Amino acid sequence: MGIDHLWIALKCEKKVTDKTKLIEEHVWMAFINRRKIGYAVQRELSEYDLEIMQLLYMVSMGADVLLDDMTGPVEGKMTYMRAHFDWLVGNKDSETVYVLNPDGNNGHELSIFFARV
C-alpha cells in the first residue's frame, strides 16, 4: 500500500422489503479506486480459514504474504493485513471502514465502503 491511498467499494442492490443488515448482504459489486473489478461474495468460515487465523494470532500489526507451504490448497498466494480499523456507520445503507496508520501520522491508506444502492 505504501504510497497511494487504496479505495475499495462494495455495493449491493437495495431491495424495498429487505431488512437484512448491510454487512450481512451476500453478493457485492466490487470496485477498487473507482474501477469495477467484478463481484465479491460472502462465504462461511471454513476450517482452513480458522487455521490461518490461528497462525496469524500472534501478529499484532502488519501486512505480508504467506509462503506457499502455509497456504495449502489455495492457488496463488495469500495476503493478510492486521491493523487498527475505524468503523463508521453513515446510515442503514452505508458504512465505511478506515485502516489507521500506526506510524504517528493521522492519515489512512485504505478505505472500504459498503453501500446499498
C-alpha atoms as a PDB file:
ATOM      1  CA  MET A   1       0.000   0.000   0.000  1.00  0.00           C
ATOM      2  CA  GLY A   2       2.873   2.332   0.903  1.00  0.00           C
ATOM      3  CA  ILE A   3       2.408   5.396  -1.298  1.00  0.00           C
ATOM      4  CA  ASP A   4      -1.158   5.536  -2.591  1.00  0.00           C
ATOM      5  CA  HIS A   5      -4.493   5.586  -0.879  1.00  0.00           C
ATOM      6  CA  LEU A   6      -6.416   2.389  -1.697  1.00  0.00           C
ATOM      7  CA  TRP A   7     -10.175   2.823  -2.042  1.00  0.00           C
ATOM      8  CA  ILE A   8     -12.387  -0.299  -2.074  1.00  0.00           C
ATOM      9  CA  ALA A   9     -16.145  -0.033  -2.579  1.00  0.00           C
ATOM     10  CA  LEU A  10     -18.588  -2.902  -2.205  1.00  0.00           C
ATOM     11  CA  LYS A  11     -22.076  -2.108  -3.484  1.00  0.00           C
ATOM     12  CA  CYS A  12     -25.172  -4.265  -3.275  1.00  0.00           C
ATOM     13  CA  GLU A  13     -28.678  -3.907  -4.643  1.00  0.00           C
ATOM     14  CA  LYS A  14     -31.256  -2.160  -2.477  1.00  0.00           C
ATOM     15  CA  LYS A  15     -34.492  -4.111  -2.045  1.00  0.00           C
ATOM     16  CA  VAL A  16     -37.610  -2.362  -0.765  1.00  0.00           C
ATOM     17  CA  THR A  17     -38.771  -5.158   1.557  1.00  0.00           C
ATOM     18  CA  ASP A  18     -35.345  -6.373   2.680  1.00  0.00           C
ATOM     19  CA  LYS A  19     -34.496  -5.977   6.382  1.00  0.00           C
ATOM     20  CA  THR A  20     -31.018  -7.553   6.086  1.00  0.00           C
ATOM     21  CA  LYS A  21     -28.208  -5.709   7.843  1.00  0.00           C
ATOM     22  CA  LEU A  22     -25.802  -4.160   5.357  1.00  0.00           C
ATOM     23  CA  ILE A  23     -22.804  -6.219   6.425  1.00  0.00           C
ATOM     24  CA  GLU A  24     -24.853  -9.444   6.088  1.00  0.00           C
ATOM     25  CA  GLU A  25     -25.505  -9.000   2.342  1.00  0.00           C
ATOM     26  CA  HIS A  26     -24.194 -11.917   0.272  1.00  0.00           C
ATOM     27  CA  VAL A  27     -23.361 -10.539  -3.197  1.00  0.00           C
ATOM     28  CA  TRP A  28     -21.492  -7.298  -3.893  1.00  0.00           C
ATOM     29  CA  MET A  29     -20.279  -5.388  -6.945  1.00  0.00           C
ATOM     30  CA  ALA A  30     -16.608  -4.719  -6.228  1.00  0.00           C
ATOM     31  CA  PHE A  31     -14.684  -1.559  -7.153  1.00  0.00           C
ATOM     32  CA  ILE A  32     -11.048  -0.648  -6.493  1.00  0.00           C
ATOM     33  CA  ASN A  33     -10.100   3.008  -6.857  1.00  0.00           C
ATOM     34  CA  ARG A  34     -13.443   3.624  -8.620  1.00  0.00           C
ATOM     35  CA  ARG A  35     -12.856   0.927 -11.262  1.00  0.00           C
ATOM     36  CA  LYS A  36     -15.222  -2.056 -11.331  1.00  0.00           C
ATOM     37  CA  ILE A  37     -13.284  -5.293 -10.901  1.00  0.00           C
ATOM     38  CA  GLY A  38     -16.138  -7.801 -10.670  1.00  0.00           C
ATOM     39  CA  TYR A  39     -18.144  -9.297  -7.848  1.00  0.00           C
ATOM     40  CA  ALA A  40     -17.484 -10.329  -4.273  1.00  0.00           C
ATOM     41  CA  VAL A  41     -19.487 -12.865  -2.276  1.00  0.00           C
ATOM     42  CA  GLN A  42     -19.766 -13.533   1.405  1.00  0.00           C
ATOM     43  CA  ARG A  43     -18.959 -17.105   2.392  1.00  0.00           C
ATOM     44  CA  GLU A  44     -18.959 -19.238   5.507  1.00  0.00           C
ATOM     45  CA  LEU A  45     -15.778 -19.563   7.559  1.00  0.00           C
ATOM     46  CA  SER A  46     -14.045 -22.886   6.837  1.00  0.00           C
ATOM     47  CA  GLU A  47     -11.669 -24.995   8.926  1.00  0.00           C
ATOM     48  CA  TYR A  48      -8.850 -23.799   6.688  1.00  0.00           C
ATOM     49  CA  ASP A  49      -9.772 -20.163   7.414  1.00  0.00           C
ATOM     50  CA  LEU A  50      -9.652 -20.889  11.147  1.00  0.00           C
ATOM     51  CA  GLU A  51      -6.196 -22.463  10.799  1.00  0.00           C
ATOM     52  CA  ILE A  52      -4.893 -19.356   9.006  1.00  0.00           C
ATOM     53  CA  MET A  53      -6.412 -17.080  11.654  1.00  0.00           C
ATOM     54  CA  GLN A  54      -4.778 -19.144  14.412  1.00  0.00           C
ATOM     55  CA  LEU A  55      -1.471 -18.944  12.536  1.00  0.00           C
ATOM     56  CA  LEU A  56      -1.741 -15.140  12.462  1.00  0.00           C
ATOM     57  CA  TYR A  57      -2.968 -14.785  16.049  1.00  0.00           C
ATOM     58  CA  MET A  58       0.382 -13.526  17.336  1.00  0.00           C
ATOM     59  CA  VAL A  59       0.732 -10.891  14.585  1.00  0.00           C
ATOM     60  CA  SER A  60      -0.284  -7.599  16.181  1.00  0.00           C
ATOM     61  CA  MET A  61       0.037  -5.340  13.144  1.00  0.00           C
ATOM     62  CA  GLY A  62       1.331  -5.573   9.600  1.00  0.00           C
ATOM     63  CA  ALA A  63       0.694  -6.852   6.091  1.00  0.00           C
ATOM     64  CA  ASP A  64       2.504  -9.594   4.233  1.00  0.00           C
ATOM     65  CA  VAL A  65       2.135 -12.653   2.025  1.00  0.00           C
ATOM     66  CA  LEU A  66       2.095 -16.175   3.458  1.00  0.00           C
ATOM     67  CA  LEU A  67       4.546 -18.649   1.998  1.00  0.00           C
ATOM     68  CA  ASP A  68       3.226 -21.307  -0.384  1.00  0.00           C
ATOM     69  CA  ASP A  69       3.628 -24.187   2.099  1.00  0.00           C
ATOM     70  CA  MET A  70       1.391 -22.328   4.588  1.00  0.00           C
ATOM     71  CA  THR A  71      -1.416 -21.608   2.134  1.00  0.00           C
ATOM     72  CA  GLY A  72      -2.176 -25.247   1.383  1.00  0.00           C
ATOM     73  CA  PRO A  73      -4.607 -25.996  -1.445  1.00  0.00           C
ATOM     74  CA  VAL A  74      -5.267 -22.343  -2.297  1.00  0.00           C
ATOM     75  CA  GLU A  75      -3.900 -21.394  -5.701  1.00  0.00           C
ATOM     76  CA  GLY A  76      -1.650 -18.356  -5.653  1.00  0.00           C
ATOM     77  CA  LYS A  77      -0.541 -16.566  -2.548  1.00  0.00           C
ATOM     78  CA  MET A  78      -2.496 -15.415   0.474  1.00  0.00           C
ATOM     79  CA  THR A  79      -2.081 -11.820   1.568  1.00  0.00           C
ATOM     80  CA  TYR A  80      -3.061 -10.735   5.067  1.00  0.00           C
ATOM     81  CA  MET A  81      -3.332  -7.459   6.949  1.00  0.00           C
ATOM     82  CA  ARG A  82      -3.657  -6.860  10.673  1.00  0.00           C
ATOM     83  CA  ALA A  83      -4.250  -3.262  11.717  1.00  0.00           C
ATOM     84  CA  HIS A  84      -6.436  -0.905  13.714  1.00  0.00           C
ATOM     85  CA  PHE A  85      -9.725  -0.312  11.901  1.00  0.00           C
ATOM     86  CA  ASP A  86     -12.120   2.567  12.481  1.00  0.00           C
ATOM     87  CA  TRP A  87     -15.716   1.578  11.581  1.00  0.00           C
ATOM     88  CA  LEU A  88     -18.184   4.380  10.800  1.00  0.00           C
ATOM     89  CA  VAL A  89     -21.892   3.852  10.188  1.00  0.00           C
ATOM     90  CA  GLY A  90     -23.493   6.521   7.999  1.00  0.00           C
ATOM     91  CA  ASN A  91     -26.989   5.003   7.961  1.00  0.00           C
ATOM     92  CA  LYS A  92     -28.608   1.599   7.388  1.00  0.00           C
ATOM     93  CA  ASP A  93     -27.415   1.645   3.766  1.00  0.00           C
ATOM     94  CA  SER A  94     -23.822   2.882   4.123  1.00  0.00           C
ATOM     95  CA  GLU A  95     -20.837   2.020   6.302  1.00  0.00           C
ATOM     96  CA  THR A  96     -17.135   2.779   5.979  1.00  0.00           C
ATOM     97  CA  VAL A  97     -14.046   1.091   7.388  1.00  0.00           C
ATOM     98  CA  TYR A  98     -10.768   3.024   7.599  1.00  0.00           C
ATOM     99  CA  VAL A  99      -7.414   1.409   8.312  1.00  0.00           C
ATOM    100  CA  LEU A 100      -5.491   3.815  10.532  1.00  0.00           C
ATOM    101  CA  ASN A 101      -1.761   4.375  10.168  1.00  0.00           C
ATOM    102  CA  PRO A 102       0.271   3.242  13.199  1.00  0.00           C
ATOM    103  CA  ASP A 103       3.317   5.378  12.312  1.00  0.00           C
ATOM    104  CA  GLY A 104       2.106   8.512  14.058  1.00  0.00           C
ATOM    105  CA  ASN A 105       0.581  10.386  11.147  1.00  0.00           C
ATOM    106  CA  ASN A 106      -3.178  10.749  11.277  1.00  0.00           C
ATOM    107  CA  GLY A 107      -3.872   9.659   7.712  1.00  0.00           C
ATOM    108  CA  HIS A 108      -5.201   6.364   6.441  1.00  0.00           C
ATOM    109  CA  GLU A 109      -4.074   4.342   3.435  1.00  0.00           C
ATOM    110  CA  LEU A 110      -7.084   2.076   2.993  1.00  0.00           C
ATOM    111  CA  SER A 111     -10.803   2.842   2.950  1.00  0.00           C
ATOM    112  CA  ILE A 112     -13.504   0.212   2.456  1.00  0.00           C
ATOM    113  CA  PHE A 113     -17.009   1.452   1.668  1.00  0.00           C
ATOM    114  CA  PHE A 114     -20.140  -0.671   1.942  1.00  0.00           C
ATOM    115  CA  ALA A 115     -23.191   0.769   0.193  1.00  0.00           C
ATOM    116  CA  ARG A 116     -26.675  -0.397  -0.680  1.00  0.00           C
ATOM    117  CA  VAL A 117     -27.785   1.363  -3.889  1.00  0.00           C
END
